[in-house]
Amino acid sequence: MRTTLTIDDDVAIQLQRLQKRRGAASFKDLVNEALRCGLRDLSVPPKKRKRFRTEVHKAGPPLLPDFDNVAEVLAIIEGEAYK
């Protein structure tokens, strides 16, 4: 089948680089091979991933009653000479 195809510049550059690396492959053959590979990948359903779950751990009671005042937290942890 003969058709006109507009290829984006970034794709054309990648195809040209691949053509240079492969040597004598014609641009037409390279485009057809790339399309076949892409269509084959698109036709396969995506693999199902195992659902990620985070385990819950009890941390116990908080060591500090209030975290809103950073200066107070640093004074408790490092002593009054934290500055």
PDB file of N, CA and C in Angstrom:
ATOM      1  N   MET A   1       0.844  -1.172   0.000  1.00  0.00           N
ATOM      2  CA  MET A   1       0.000   0.000   0.000  1.00  0.00           C
ATOM      3  C   MET A   1       0.893   1.239   0.000  1.00  0.00           C
ATOM      4  N   ARG A   2       0.529   2.183  -0.754  1.00  0.00           N
ATOM      5  CA  ARG A   2       1.298   3.415  -0.856  1.00  0.00           C
ATOM      6  C   ARG A   2       0.464   4.526  -0.224  1.00  0.00           C
ATOM      7  N   THR A   3       1.087   5.270   0.690  1.00  0.00           N
ATOM      8  CA  THR A   3       0.384   6.349   1.357  1.00  0.00           C
ATOM      9  C   THR A   3       1.372   7.445   1.724  1.00  0.00           C
ATOM     10  N   THR A   4       0.877   8.614   2.019  1.00  0.00           N
ATOM     11  CA  THR A   4       1.709   9.712   2.481  1.00  0.00           C
ATOM     12  C   THR A   4       1.618   9.768   3.992  1.00  0.00           C
ATOM     13  N   LEU A   5       2.770   9.879   4.621  1.00  0.00           N
ATOM     14  CA  LEU A   5       2.831   9.867   6.077  1.00  0.00           C
ATOM     15  C   LEU A   5       3.652  11.057   6.536  1.00  0.00           C
ATOM     16  N   THR A   6       3.109  11.853   7.432  1.00  0.00           N
ATOM     17  CA  THR A   6       3.851  12.969   8.004  1.00  0.00           C
ATOM     18  C   THR A   6       4.454  12.511   9.322  1.00  0.00           C
ATOM     19  N   ILE A   7       5.773  12.566   9.408  1.00  0.00           N
ATOM     20  CA  ILE A   7       6.490  12.099  10.599  1.00  0.00           C
ATOM     21  C   ILE A   7       6.993  13.319  11.360  1.00  0.00           C
ATOM     22  N   ASP A   8       6.768  13.349  12.659  1.00  0.00           N
ATOM     23  CA  ASP A   8       7.274  14.448  13.489  1.00  0.00           C
ATOM     24  C   ASP A   8       8.795  14.491  13.412  1.00  0.00           C
ATOM     25  N   ASP A   9       9.332  15.699  13.607  1.00  0.00           N
ATOM     26  CA  ASP A   9      10.773  15.893  13.468  1.00  0.00           C
ATOM     27  C   ASP A   9      11.583  15.014  14.413  1.00  0.00           C
ATOM     28  N   ASP A  10      11.145  14.917  15.669  1.00  0.00           N
ATOM     29  CA  ASP A  10      11.910  14.118  16.634  1.00  0.00           C
ATOM     30  C   ASP A  10      11.932  12.645  16.247  1.00  0.00           C
ATOM     31  N   VAL A  11      10.837  12.135  15.712  1.00  0.00           N
ATOM     32  CA  VAL A  11      10.771  10.737  15.272  1.00  0.00           C
ATOM     33  C   VAL A  11      11.639  10.534  14.040  1.00  0.00           C
ATOM     34  N   ALA A  12      11.601  11.486  13.118  1.00  0.00           N
ATOM     35  CA  ALA A  12      12.416  11.393  11.904  1.00  0.00           C
ATOM     36  C   ALA A  12      13.903  11.373  12.248  1.00  0.00           C
ATOM     37  N   ILE A  13      14.303  12.181  13.213  1.00  0.00           N
ATOM     38  CA  ILE A  13      15.707  12.212  13.631  1.00  0.00           C
ATOM     39  C   ILE A  13      16.119  10.865  14.220  1.00  0.00           C
ATOM     40  N   GLN A  14      15.261  10.297  15.051  1.00  0.00           N
ATOM     41  CA  GLN A  14      15.575   8.982  15.633  1.00  0.00           C
ATOM     42  C   GLN A  14      15.677   7.919  14.551  1.00  0.00           C
ATOM     43  N   LEU A  15      14.782   7.967  13.577  1.00  0.00           N
ATOM     44  CA  LEU A  15      14.821   6.998  12.482  1.00  0.00           C
ATOM     45  C   LEU A  15      16.083   7.159  11.640  1.00  0.00           C
ATOM     46  N   GLN A  16      16.472   8.390  11.383  1.00  0.00           N
ATOM     47  CA  GLN A  16      17.683   8.633  10.600  1.00  0.00           C
ATOM     48  C   GLN A  16      18.931   8.150  11.341  1.00  0.00           C
ATOM     49  N   ARG A  17      18.974   8.385  12.649  1.00  0.00           N
ATOM     50  CA  ARG A  17      20.113   7.898  13.442  1.00  0.00           C
ATOM     51  C   ARG A  17      20.170   6.374  13.421  1.00  0.00           C
ATOM     52  N   LEU A  18      19.013   5.743  13.560  1.00  0.00           N
ATOM     53  CA  LEU A  18      18.952   4.284  13.536  1.00  0.00           C
ATOM     54  C   LEU A  18      19.359   3.753  12.159  1.00  0.00           C
ATOM     55  N   GLN A  19      18.966   4.452  11.133  1.00  0.00           N
ATOM     56  CA  GLN A  19      19.326   4.040   9.770  1.00  0.00           C
ATOM     57  C   GLN A  19      20.843   4.100   9.587  1.00  0.00           C
ATOM     58  N   LYS A  20      21.485   5.145  10.106  1.00  0.00           N
ATOM     59  CA  LYS A  20      22.941   5.259  10.004  1.00  0.00           C
ATOM     60  C   LYS A  20      23.642   4.144  10.772  1.00  0.00           C
ATOM     61  N   ARG A  21      23.125   3.820  11.959  1.00  0.00           N
ATOM     62  CA  ARG A  21      23.730   2.755  12.768  1.00  0.00           C
ATOM     63  C   ARG A  21      23.612   1.392  12.104  1.00  0.00           C
ATOM     64  N   ARG A  22      22.474   1.160  11.457  1.00  0.00           N
ATOM     65  CA  ARG A  22      22.238  -0.145  10.830  1.00  0.00           C
ATOM     66  C   ARG A  22      22.892  -0.274   9.462  1.00  0.00           C
ATOM     67  N   GLY A  23      23.266   0.829   8.882  1.00  0.00           N
ATOM     68  CA  GLY A  23      23.953   0.756   7.593  1.00  0.00           C
ATOM     69  C   GLY A  23      23.003   0.824   6.415  1.00  0.00           C
ATOM     70  N   ALA A  24      22.864  -0.264   5.667  1.00  0.00           N
ATOM     71  CA  ALA A  24      22.194  -0.266   4.363  1.00  0.00           C
ATOM     72  C   ALA A  24      20.679  -0.349   4.429  1.00  0.00           C
ATOM     73  N   ALA A  25      20.069  -0.365   5.595  1.00  0.00           N
ATOM     74  CA  ALA A  25      18.608  -0.473   5.677  1.00  0.00           C
ATOM     75  C   ALA A  25      17.969   0.767   5.053  1.00  0.00           C
ATOM     76  N   SER A  26      16.989   0.553   4.206  1.00  0.00           N
ATOM     77  CA  SER A  26      16.308   1.695   3.586  1.00  0.00           C
ATOM     78  C   SER A  26      15.383   2.337   4.616  1.00  0.00           C
ATOM     79  N   PHE A  27      15.100   3.621   4.413  1.00  0.00           N
ATOM     80  CA  PHE A  27      14.234   4.347   5.326  1.00  0.00           C
ATOM     81  C   PHE A  27      12.850   3.711   5.370  1.00  0.00           C
ATOM     82  N   LYS A  28      12.359   3.288   4.229  1.00  0.00           N
ATOM     83  CA  LYS A  28      11.044   2.646   4.134  1.00  0.00           C
ATOM     84  C   LYS A  28      11.011   1.370   4.962  1.00  0.00           C
ATOM     85  N   ASP A  29      12.034   0.523   4.825  1.00  0.00           N
ATOM     86  CA  ASP A  29      12.075  -0.723   5.591  1.00  0.00           C
ATOM     87  C   ASP A  29      12.158  -0.451   7.093  1.00  0.00           C
ATOM     88  N   LEU A  30      12.927   0.565   7.457  1.00  0.00           N
ATOM     89  CA  LEU A  30      13.070   0.911   8.864  1.00  0.00           C
ATOM     90  C   LEU A  30      11.758   1.405   9.457  1.00  0.00           C
ATOM     91  N   VAL A  31      11.044   2.247   8.721  1.00  0.00           N
ATOM     92  CA  VAL A  31       9.744   2.743   9.194  1.00  0.00           C
ATOM     93  C   VAL A  31       8.762   1.582   9.340  1.00  0.00           C
ATOM     94  N   ASN A  32       8.731   0.684   8.369  1.00  0.00           N
ATOM     95  CA  ASN A  32       7.836  -0.477   8.459  1.00  0.00           C
ATOM     96  C   ASN A  32       8.181  -1.355   9.651  1.00  0.00           C
ATOM     97  N   GLU A  33       9.470  -1.579   9.893  1.00  0.00           N
ATOM     98  CA  GLU A  33       9.878  -2.402  11.039  1.00  0.00           C
ATOM     99  C   GLU A  33       9.487  -1.734  12.356  1.00  0.00           C
ATOM    100  N   ALA A  34       9.695  -0.415  12.437  1.00  0.00           N
ATOM    101  CA  ALA A  34       9.324   0.320  13.646  1.00  0.00           C
ATOM    102  C   ALA A  34       7.811   0.261  13.881  1.00  0.00           C
ATOM    103  N   LEU A  35       7.042   0.409  12.814  1.00  0.00           N
ATOM    104  CA  LEU A  35       5.586   0.319  12.948  1.00  0.00           C
ATOM    105  C   LEU A  35       5.148  -1.074  13.388  1.00  0.00           C
ATOM    106  N   ARG A  36       5.776  -2.116  12.821  1.00  0.00           N
ATOM    107  CA  ARG A  36       5.426  -3.488  13.222  1.00  0.00           C
ATOM    108  C   ARG A  36       5.718  -3.711  14.700  1.00  0.00           C
ATOM    109  N   CYS A  37       6.901  -3.267  15.145  1.00  0.00           N
ATOM    110  CA  CYS A  37       7.264  -3.429  16.559  1.00  0.00           C
ATOM    111  C   CYS A  37       6.291  -2.673  17.460  1.00  0.00           C
ATOM    112  N   GLY A  38       5.967  -1.441  17.079  1.00  0.00           N
ATOM    113  CA  GLY A  38       5.045  -0.637  17.876  1.00  0.00           C
ATOM    114  C   GLY A  38       3.654  -1.235  17.922  1.00  0.00           C
ATOM    115  N   LEU A  39       3.164  -1.719  16.784  1.00  0.00           N
ATOM    116  CA  LEU A  39       1.833  -2.328  16.745  1.00  0.00           C
ATOM    117  C   LEU A  39       1.788  -3.623  17.544  1.00  0.00           C
ATOM    118  N   ARG A  40       2.875  -4.388  17.487  1.00  0.00           N
ATOM    119  CA  ARG A  40       2.942  -5.623  18.268  1.00  0.00           C
ATOM    120  C   ARG A  40       2.898  -5.303  19.765  1.00  0.00           C
ATOM    121  N   ASP A  41       3.647  -4.287  20.183  1.00  0.00           N
ATOM    122  CA  ASP A  41       3.647  -3.894  21.589  1.00  0.00           C
ATOM    123  C   ASP A  41       2.296  -3.341  22.027  1.00  0.00           C
ATOM    124  N   LEU A  42       1.639  -2.588  21.139  1.00  0.00           N
ATOM    125  CA  LEU A  42       0.338  -2.011  21.487  1.00  0.00           C
ATOM    126  C   LEU A  42      -0.774  -3.049  21.540  1.00  0.00           C
ATOM    127  N   SER A  43      -0.620  -4.146  20.798  1.00  0.00           N
ATOM    128  CA  SER A  43      -1.685  -5.145  20.759  1.00  0.00           C
ATOM    129  C   SER A  43      -1.652  -6.097  21.952  1.00  0.00           C
ATOM    130  N   VAL A  44      -0.546  -6.123  22.678  1.00  0.00           N
ATOM    131  CA  VAL A  44      -0.439  -6.984  23.858  1.00  0.00           C
ATOM    132  C   VAL A  44      -1.042  -6.230  25.047  1.00  0.00           C
ATOM    133  N   PRO A  45      -1.963  -6.869  25.771  1.00  0.00           N
ATOM    134  CA  PRO A  45      -2.531  -6.179  26.932  1.00  0.00           C
ATOM    135  C   PRO A  45      -1.454  -5.942  27.988  1.00  0.00           C
ATOM    136  N   PRO A  46      -1.529  -4.824  28.693  1.00  0.00           N
ATOM    137  CA  PRO A  46      -0.505  -4.531  29.696  1.00  0.00           C
ATOM    138  C   PRO A  46      -0.511  -5.582  30.804  1.00  0.00           C
ATOM    139  N   LYS A  47       0.681  -5.857  31.338  1.00  0.00           N
ATOM    140  CA  LYS A  47       0.790  -6.833  32.415  1.00  0.00           C
ATOM    141  C   LYS A  47       0.125  -6.286  33.668  1.00  0.00           C
ATOM    142  N   LYS A  48      -0.572  -7.163  34.365  1.00  0.00           N
ATOM    143  CA  LYS A  48      -1.203  -6.742  35.603  1.00  0.00           C
ATOM    144  C   LYS A  48      -0.131  -6.670  36.684  1.00  0.00           C
ATOM    145  N   ARG A  49      -0.151  -5.575  37.391  1.00  0.00           N
ATOM    146  CA  ARG A  49       0.801  -5.383  38.474  1.00  0.00           C
ATOM    147  C   ARG A  49       0.213  -5.876  39.779  1.00  0.00           C
ATOM    148  N   LYS A  50       1.102  -6.378  40.623  1.00  0.00           N
ATOM    149  CA  LYS A  50       0.665  -6.769  41.954  1.00  0.00           C
ATOM    150  C   LYS A  50       0.361  -5.493  42.734  1.00  0.00           C
ATOM    151  N   ARG A  51      -0.760  -5.492  43.413  1.00  0.00           N
ATOM    152  CA  ARG A  51      -1.183  -4.309  44.139  1.00  0.00           C
ATOM    153  C   ARG A  51      -0.207  -4.031  45.274  1.00  0.00           C
ATOM    154  N   PHE A  52       0.221  -2.783  45.383  1.00  0.00           N
ATOM    155  CA  PHE A  52       1.161  -2.385  46.426  1.00  0.00           C
ATOM    156  C   PHE A  52       0.393  -2.039  47.686  1.00  0.00           C
ATOM    157  N   ARG A  53       0.843  -2.608  48.766  1.00  0.00           N
ATOM    158  CA  ARG A  53       0.218  -2.311  50.052  1.00  0.00           C
ATOM    159  C   ARG A  53       1.292  -1.911  51.047  1.00  0.00           C
ATOM    160  N   THR A  54       0.977  -0.929  51.851  1.00  0.00           N
ATOM    161  CA  THR A  54       1.874  -0.485  52.904  1.00  0.00           C
ATOM    162  C   THR A  54       1.419  -1.118  54.212  1.00  0.00           C
ATOM    163  N   GLU A  55       2.376  -1.749  54.885  1.00  0.00           N
ATOM    164  CA  GLU A  55       2.033  -2.367  56.164  1.00  0.00           C
ATOM    165  C   GLU A  55       1.887  -1.294  57.239  1.00  0.00           C
ATOM    166  N   VAL A  56       0.949  -1.504  58.131  1.00  0.00           N
ATOM    167  CA  VAL A  56       0.700  -0.572  59.213  1.00  0.00           C
ATOM    168  C   VAL A  56       1.472  -1.046  60.438  1.00  0.00           C
ATOM    169  N   HIS A  57       2.193  -0.150  61.050  1.00  0.00           N
ATOM    170  CA  HIS A  57       2.925  -0.460  62.274  1.00  0.00           C
ATOM    171  C   HIS A  57       2.524   0.549  63.341  1.00  0.00           C
ATOM    172  N   LYS A  58       2.309   0.040  64.524  1.00  0.00           N
ATOM    173  CA  LYS A  58       1.979   0.936  65.635  1.00  0.00           C
ATOM    174  C   LYS A  58       3.274   1.535  66.164  1.00  0.00           C
ATOM    175  N   ALA A  59       3.329   2.842  66.229  1.00  0.00           N
ATOM    176  CA  ALA A  59       4.524   3.538  66.683  1.00  0.00           C
ATOM    177  C   ALA A  59       4.482   3.826  68.181  1.00  0.00           C
ATOM    178  N   GLY A  60       3.362   3.576  68.792  1.00  0.00           N
ATOM    179  CA  GLY A  60       3.243   3.864  70.212  1.00  0.00           C
ATOM    180  C   GLY A  60       2.883   5.320  70.443  1.00  0.00           C
ATOM    181  N   PRO A  61       2.903   5.721  71.705  1.00  0.00           N
ATOM    182  CA  PRO A  61       2.533   7.100  72.007  1.00  0.00           C
ATOM    183  C   PRO A  61       3.623   8.061  71.509  1.00  0.00           C
ATOM    184  N   PRO A  62       3.245   9.287  71.168  1.00  0.00           N
ATOM    185  CA  PRO A  62       4.250  10.241  70.694  1.00  0.00           C
ATOM    186  C   PRO A  62       5.244  10.593  71.797  1.00  0.00           C
ATOM    187  N   LEU A  63       6.504  10.796  71.400  1.00  0.00           N
ATOM    188  CA  LEU A  63       7.530  11.145  72.380  1.00  0.00           C
ATOM    189  C   LEU A  63       7.440  12.608  72.783  1.00  0.00           C
ATOM    190  N   LEU A  64       6.943  13.428  71.883  1.00  0.00           N
ATOM    191  CA  LEU A  64       6.763  14.846  72.165  1.00  0.00           C
ATOM    192  C   LEU A  64       5.290  15.186  72.014  1.00  0.00           C
ATOM    193  N   PRO A  65       4.760  15.969  72.940  1.00  0.00           N
ATOM    194  CA  PRO A  65       3.329  16.251  72.891  1.00  0.00           C
ATOM    195  C   PRO A  65       2.910  17.165  71.748  1.00  0.00           C
ATOM    196  N   ASP A  66       3.807  18.065  71.288  1.00  0.00           N
ATOM    197  CA  ASP A  66       3.401  19.060  70.303  1.00  0.00           C
ATOM    198  C   ASP A  66       4.555  19.319  69.331  1.00  0.00           C
ATOM    199  N   PHE A  67       4.271  19.257  68.029  1.00  0.00           N
ATOM    200  CA  PHE A  67       5.305  19.501  67.018  1.00  0.00           C
ATOM    201  C   PHE A  67       5.126  20.848  66.323  1.00  0.00           C
ATOM    202  N   ASP A  68       4.201  21.658  66.754  1.00  0.00           N
ATOM    203  CA  ASP A  68       3.922  22.929  66.089  1.00  0.00           C
ATOM    204  C   ASP A  68       5.030  23.955  66.313  1.00  0.00           C
ATOM    205  N   ASN A  69       5.656  23.932  67.466  1.00  0.00           N
ATOM    206  CA  ASN A  69       6.704  24.892  67.793  1.00  0.00           C
ATOM    207  C   ASN A  69       8.057  24.207  67.597  1.00  0.00           C
ATOM    208  N   VAL A  70       8.725  24.488  66.476  1.00  0.00           N
ATOM    209  CA  VAL A  70       9.980  23.834  66.142  1.00  0.00           C
ATOM    210  C   VAL A  70      11.062  24.171  67.156  1.00  0.00           C
ATOM    211  N   ALA A  71      11.097  25.404  67.593  1.00  0.00           N
ATOM    212  CA  ALA A  71      12.108  25.809  68.573  1.00  0.00           C
ATOM    213  C   ALA A  71      11.965  25.007  69.864  1.00  0.00           C
ATOM    214  N   GLU A  72      10.746  24.766  70.285  1.00  0.00           N
ATOM    215  CA  GLU A  72      10.512  23.982  71.505  1.00  0.00           C
ATOM    216  C   GLU A  72      10.935  22.523  71.309  1.00  0.00           C
ATOM    217  N   VAL A  73      10.651  21.961  70.151  1.00  0.00           N
ATOM    218  CA  VAL A  73      11.048  20.587  69.856  1.00  0.00           C
ATOM    219  C   VAL A  73      12.566  20.472  69.874  1.00  0.00           C
ATOM    220  N   LEU A  74      13.275  21.407  69.233  1.00  0.00           N
ATOM    221  CA  LEU A  74      14.736  21.380  69.227  1.00  0.00           C
ATOM    222  C   LEU A  74      15.300  21.557  70.629  1.00  0.00           C
ATOM    223  N   ALA A  75      14.666  22.390  71.434  1.00  0.00           N
ATOM    224  CA  ALA A  75      15.124  22.589  72.804  1.00  0.00           C
ATOM    225  C   ALA A  75      14.970  21.308  73.609  1.00  0.00           C
ATOM    226  N   ILE A  76      13.906  20.566  73.382  1.00  0.00           N
ATOM    227  CA  ILE A  76      13.690  19.311  74.095  1.00  0.00           C
ATOM    228  C   ILE A  76      14.688  18.254  73.640  1.00  0.00           C
ATOM    229  N   ILE A  77      14.908  18.146  72.332  1.00  0.00           N
ATOM    230  CA  ILE A  77      15.766  17.101  71.789  1.00  0.00           C
ATOM    231  C   ILE A  77      17.251  17.404  72.011  1.00  0.00           C
ATOM    232  N   GLU A  78      17.672  18.643  71.714  1.00  0.00           N
ATOM    233  CA  GLU A  78      19.095  18.975  71.743  1.00  0.00           C
ATOM    234  C   GLU A  78      19.503  19.777  72.948  1.00  0.00           C
ATOM    235  N   GLY A  79      18.576  20.145  73.769  1.00  0.00           N
ATOM    236  CA  GLY A  79      18.883  20.987  74.916  1.00  0.00           C
ATOM    237  C   GLY A  79      18.732  22.444  74.546  1.00  0.00           C
ATOM    238  N   GLU A  80      18.814  23.290  75.537  1.00  0.00           N
ATOM    239  CA  GLU A  80      18.594  24.718  75.318  1.00  0.00           C
ATOM    240  C   GLU A  80      19.693  25.350  74.464  1.00  0.00           C
ATOM    241  N   ALA A  81      20.851  24.719  74.320  1.00  0.00           N
ATOM    242  CA  ALA A  81      21.978  25.310  73.567  1.00  0.00           C
ATOM    243  C   ALA A  81      21.957  24.840  72.102  1.00  0.00           C
ATOM    244  N   TYR A  82      20.796  24.602  71.540  1.00  0.00           N
ATOM    245  CA  TYR A  82      20.708  24.085  70.171  1.00  0.00           C
ATOM    246  C   TYR A  82      21.099  25.128  69.136  1.00  0.00           C
ATOM    247  N   LYS A  83      21.060  26.398  69.462  1.00  0.00           N
ATOM    248  CA  LYS A  83      21.377  27.448  68.485  1.00  0.00           C
ATOM    249  C   LYS A  83      22.818  27.537  68.374  1.00  0.00           C
TER     250      LYS A  83
END
